Amino acid sequence: MRVSVRKIAELVAAVALSAVVVAGCDNPGNSGGSISPNTSSCTSPGKTVTIGGVTWMAENLNCATSNSWCYGDDNSNCTKYGRLYTWDAAMTACPSGWRLPTREDWNSLVTAAGGSSVAGRKLKSTSGWSGDGNGTDEFGFSALPGGFRFTDGTFDGAGDYGSWWSATEDGSGNAWYRYMVYGNGSVGEDDGAKGYGLSARCVR
């Protein structure tokens, strides 16, 4: 089922009525402004894992680029969750030799993890998700709930919701992404405005 980021925010808020929501925002940590090609600050991908024949980063991307932010403009959230990127920024943020995964890469990952209805639980980290929303991290993917940034500059969903860009566009203004919510074990898919700030993983 496809839902918008705004609808997911409403879903997170509804589920949060019966669970503990963890989020923080104090110190500035954004890198706003225009983007340039190959502006990534990273030279190493950090932890990696191979699933279904594809090597993935095993942590959310935390390479400083223009048009990327720490959740709530709090630097500690970049350490915890990685950065949130516009789609254009994510397309240039991966270290050399790495790239943003396509929609097909994500489809292959979800299939390897048992299908969309159960893959979320298997791919989520064993800690960091609100309530009882942690996963088994069966494949070492360690998906984290980094939340998202709306185009108006507001943030939502850290601890409850994780979303990751794909490199596949859906028209000129949107691109496909995958998401997980703490209240269930599935992996969802939607297309969203490229100006949203979402998490990113890289593949090779």
Protein backbone atom coordinates (compact mmCIF):
# COMPACT_ATOMS: atom_id res chain seq x y z
CA MET A 1 0.00 0.00 0.00
CA ARG A 2 1.29 3.45 -0.90
CA VAL A 3 0.93 6.41 1.46
CA SER A 4 2.49 9.88 1.50
CA VAL A 5 5.11 11.09 3.97
CA ARG A 6 2.44 13.39 5.46
CA LYS A 7 0.09 10.44 5.89
CA ILE A 8 2.89 8.42 7.49
CA ALA A 9 3.44 11.28 9.94
CA GLU A 10 -0.24 11.03 10.88
CA LEU A 11 0.10 7.25 11.25
CA VAL A 12 3.14 7.65 13.49
CA ALA A 13 1.27 10.16 15.63
CA ALA A 14 -1.69 7.80 15.97
CA VAL A 15 0.44 4.81 16.93
CA ALA A 16 2.42 6.96 19.36
CA LEU A 17 -0.67 7.41 21.53
CA SER A 18 0.01 3.93 22.90
CA ALA A 19 3.83 3.95 22.99
CA VAL A 20 6.83 6.00 24.08
CA VAL A 21 8.16 8.39 21.45
CA VAL A 22 11.84 9.30 21.61
CA ALA A 23 13.24 12.31 19.76
CA GLY A 24 15.54 15.25 20.40
CA CYS A 25 16.50 18.59 18.86
CA ASP A 26 18.79 21.20 20.37
CA ASN A 27 21.98 22.13 18.54
CA PRO A 28 22.41 23.27 14.93
CA GLY A 29 23.69 20.60 12.57
CA ASN A 30 22.33 21.30 9.10
CA SER A 31 24.12 21.71 5.80
CA GLY A 32 21.54 23.64 3.82
CA GLY A 33 22.17 25.44 0.54
CA SER A 34 22.73 24.54 -3.08
CA ILE A 35 24.29 21.20 -3.94
CA SER A 36 27.29 20.41 -6.10
CA PRO A 37 28.28 17.07 -7.63
CA ASN A 38 30.52 14.83 -5.52
CA THR A 39 30.26 16.97 -2.38
CA SER A 40 30.32 14.00 0.01
CA SER A 41 32.61 14.32 3.04
CA CYS A 42 32.96 10.52 3.28
CA THR A 43 35.76 8.39 1.94
CA SER A 44 34.67 5.13 3.63
CA PRO A 45 31.28 3.42 3.75
CA GLY A 46 31.68 2.24 7.36
CA LYS A 47 29.95 -1.05 8.18
CA THR A 48 28.72 -3.14 5.23
CA VAL A 49 26.67 -6.30 4.68
CA THR A 50 25.99 -8.41 1.59
CA ILE A 51 22.37 -9.49 1.07
CA GLY A 52 21.08 -11.18 -2.05
CA GLY A 53 24.39 -10.64 -3.83
CA VAL A 54 24.38 -6.86 -3.28
CA THR A 55 26.68 -5.12 -0.78
CA TRP A 56 24.87 -2.51 1.30
CA MET A 57 25.95 -0.04 3.92
CA ALA A 58 24.90 -1.50 7.28
CA GLU A 59 24.23 1.94 8.78
CA ASN A 60 22.47 5.08 7.67
CA LEU A 61 24.62 7.39 5.57
CA ASN A 62 26.23 10.20 7.55
CA CYS A 63 28.21 12.08 4.88
CA ALA A 64 27.89 15.86 5.13
CA THR A 65 26.68 17.50 1.91
CA SER A 66 24.69 20.57 1.02
CA ASN A 67 20.96 20.02 1.56
CA SER A 68 21.42 17.45 4.29
CA TRP A 69 20.51 17.79 7.96
CA CYS A 70 20.75 16.20 11.37
CA TYR A 71 17.26 15.44 12.69
CA GLY A 72 16.00 18.47 14.59
CA ASP A 73 19.25 20.27 13.69
CA ASP A 74 20.85 18.35 16.58
CA ASN A 75 24.34 17.03 15.78
CA SER A 76 23.93 14.08 18.14
CA ASN A 77 21.14 12.77 15.92
CA CYS A 78 23.53 12.53 12.97
CA THR A 79 25.69 10.28 15.12
CA LYS A 80 22.67 8.23 16.15
CA TYR A 81 20.64 8.08 12.92
CA GLY A 82 22.81 9.43 10.09
CA ARG A 83 21.81 12.47 8.04
CA LEU A 84 18.57 13.31 6.24
CA TYR A 85 19.01 14.20 2.56
CA THR A 86 17.00 15.68 -0.23
CA TRP A 87 16.93 13.29 -3.18
CA ASP A 88 19.39 15.39 -5.18
CA ALA A 89 21.81 15.50 -2.25
CA ALA A 90 21.51 11.75 -1.66
CA MET A 91 22.36 11.10 -5.30
CA THR A 92 25.82 12.65 -4.78
CA ALA A 93 26.48 11.75 -1.13
CA CYS A 94 27.75 8.16 -1.39
CA PRO A 95 31.51 7.58 -1.10
CA SER A 96 33.50 6.89 -4.26
CA GLY A 97 32.64 3.48 -5.71
CA TRP A 98 29.21 3.47 -4.06
CA ARG A 99 25.81 4.66 -5.31
CA LEU A 100 22.27 5.22 -4.14
CA PRO A 101 20.26 1.97 -4.58
CA THR A 102 17.66 1.78 -7.32
CA ARG A 103 14.07 0.73 -6.78
CA GLU A 104 15.10 -2.69 -8.12
CA ASP A 105 17.92 -2.95 -5.54
CA TRP A 106 15.39 -2.31 -2.78
CA ASN A 107 12.99 -4.84 -4.27
CA SER A 108 15.76 -7.46 -4.26
CA LEU A 109 16.64 -6.68 -0.65
CA VAL A 110 13.04 -6.99 0.51
CA THR A 111 12.60 -10.24 -1.40
CA ALA A 112 15.78 -11.69 0.16
CA ALA A 113 14.41 -10.75 3.59
CA GLY A 114 11.18 -12.71 3.05
CA GLY A 115 8.89 -10.22 1.31
CA SER A 116 7.42 -6.83 2.19
CA SER A 117 5.06 -8.10 4.92
CA VAL A 118 7.86 -9.47 7.14
CA ALA A 119 11.09 -7.87 5.90
CA GLY A 120 10.86 -4.87 8.20
CA ARG A 121 11.17 -6.92 11.36
CA LYS A 122 14.12 -8.82 9.92
CA LEU A 123 15.93 -5.69 8.70
CA LYS A 124 15.33 -3.39 11.69
CA SER A 125 18.00 -2.88 14.34
CA THR A 126 17.54 -4.65 17.67
CA SER A 127 17.35 -1.33 19.52
CA GLY A 128 16.39 2.29 18.91
CA TRP A 129 12.77 1.85 17.76
CA SER A 130 9.94 3.12 19.95
CA GLY A 131 7.81 0.81 22.05
CA ASP A 132 8.20 -2.82 21.03
CA GLY A 133 9.11 -1.87 17.47
CA ASN A 134 12.66 -3.23 17.41
CA GLY A 135 13.58 -5.91 14.90
CA THR A 136 15.66 -9.08 14.89
CA ASP A 137 18.34 -7.66 12.56
CA GLU A 138 18.58 -11.11 11.04
CA PHE A 139 20.72 -9.94 8.12
CA GLY A 140 22.84 -7.31 9.88
CA PHE A 141 21.17 -4.46 7.96
CA SER A 142 20.41 -2.56 11.19
CA ALA A 143 17.68 -0.26 9.85
CA LEU A 144 17.32 2.80 12.09
CA PRO A 145 14.32 5.12 12.57
CA GLY A 146 15.87 8.43 11.55
CA GLY A 147 12.57 10.22 10.94
CA PHE A 148 12.23 12.75 8.12
CA ARG A 149 12.30 16.43 7.27
CA PHE A 150 9.40 18.14 5.51
CA THR A 151 10.02 20.70 2.79
CA ASP A 152 8.97 23.45 5.21
CA GLY A 153 11.94 22.62 7.45
CA THR A 154 10.05 20.78 10.21
CA PHE A 155 11.10 17.34 11.42
CA ASP A 156 9.06 14.35 12.55
CA GLY A 157 9.21 10.63 13.31
CA ALA A 158 12.66 9.95 14.82
CA GLY A 159 12.46 6.76 16.86
CA ASP A 160 9.20 5.80 15.13
CA TYR A 161 9.84 5.85 11.42
CA GLY A 162 12.69 5.22 8.97
CA SER A 163 12.67 6.11 5.27
CA TRP A 164 15.36 5.63 2.63
CA TRP A 165 15.65 7.12 -0.83
CA SER A 166 16.03 5.09 -4.00
CA ALA A 167 17.74 6.44 -7.11
CA THR A 168 14.62 5.78 -9.17
CA GLU A 169 12.55 8.82 -10.13
CA ASP A 170 8.79 8.93 -10.48
CA GLY A 171 8.32 11.92 -12.73
CA SER A 172 10.40 15.08 -12.57
CA GLY A 173 9.56 16.08 -9.00
CA ASN A 174 9.25 12.78 -7.13
CA ALA A 175 11.36 9.71 -6.41
CA TRP A 176 10.66 6.29 -4.87
CA TYR A 177 11.61 5.45 -1.31
CA ARG A 178 11.17 2.61 1.19
CA TYR A 179 9.96 3.04 4.75
CA MET A 180 9.46 1.15 8.02
CA VAL A 181 7.23 2.12 10.97
CA TYR A 182 7.77 0.94 14.54
CA GLY A 183 4.21 -0.37 14.89
CA ASN A 184 4.57 -3.19 12.34
CA GLY A 185 7.09 -5.51 10.71
CA SER A 186 6.57 -4.65 7.06
CA VAL A 187 8.54 -2.59 4.53
CA GLY A 188 6.44 -0.07 2.62
CA GLU A 189 7.08 1.82 -0.59
CA ASP A 190 5.95 5.25 -1.76
CA ASP A 191 6.99 8.09 -4.03
CA GLY A 192 7.64 11.48 -2.49
CA ALA A 193 8.78 15.00 -3.32
CA LYS A 194 12.52 15.18 -3.90
CA GLY A 195 12.72 18.06 -1.44
CA TYR A 196 11.86 15.85 1.55
CA GLY A 197 14.75 14.98 3.86
CA LEU A 198 15.05 11.19 4.15
CA SER A 199 17.75 8.75 5.23
CA ALA A 200 20.00 7.03 2.70
CA ARG A 201 21.95 3.83 2.28
CA CYS A 202 24.49 3.14 -0.46
CA VAL A 203 25.28 -0.01 -2.44
CA ARG A 204 27.97 -1.32 -4.74
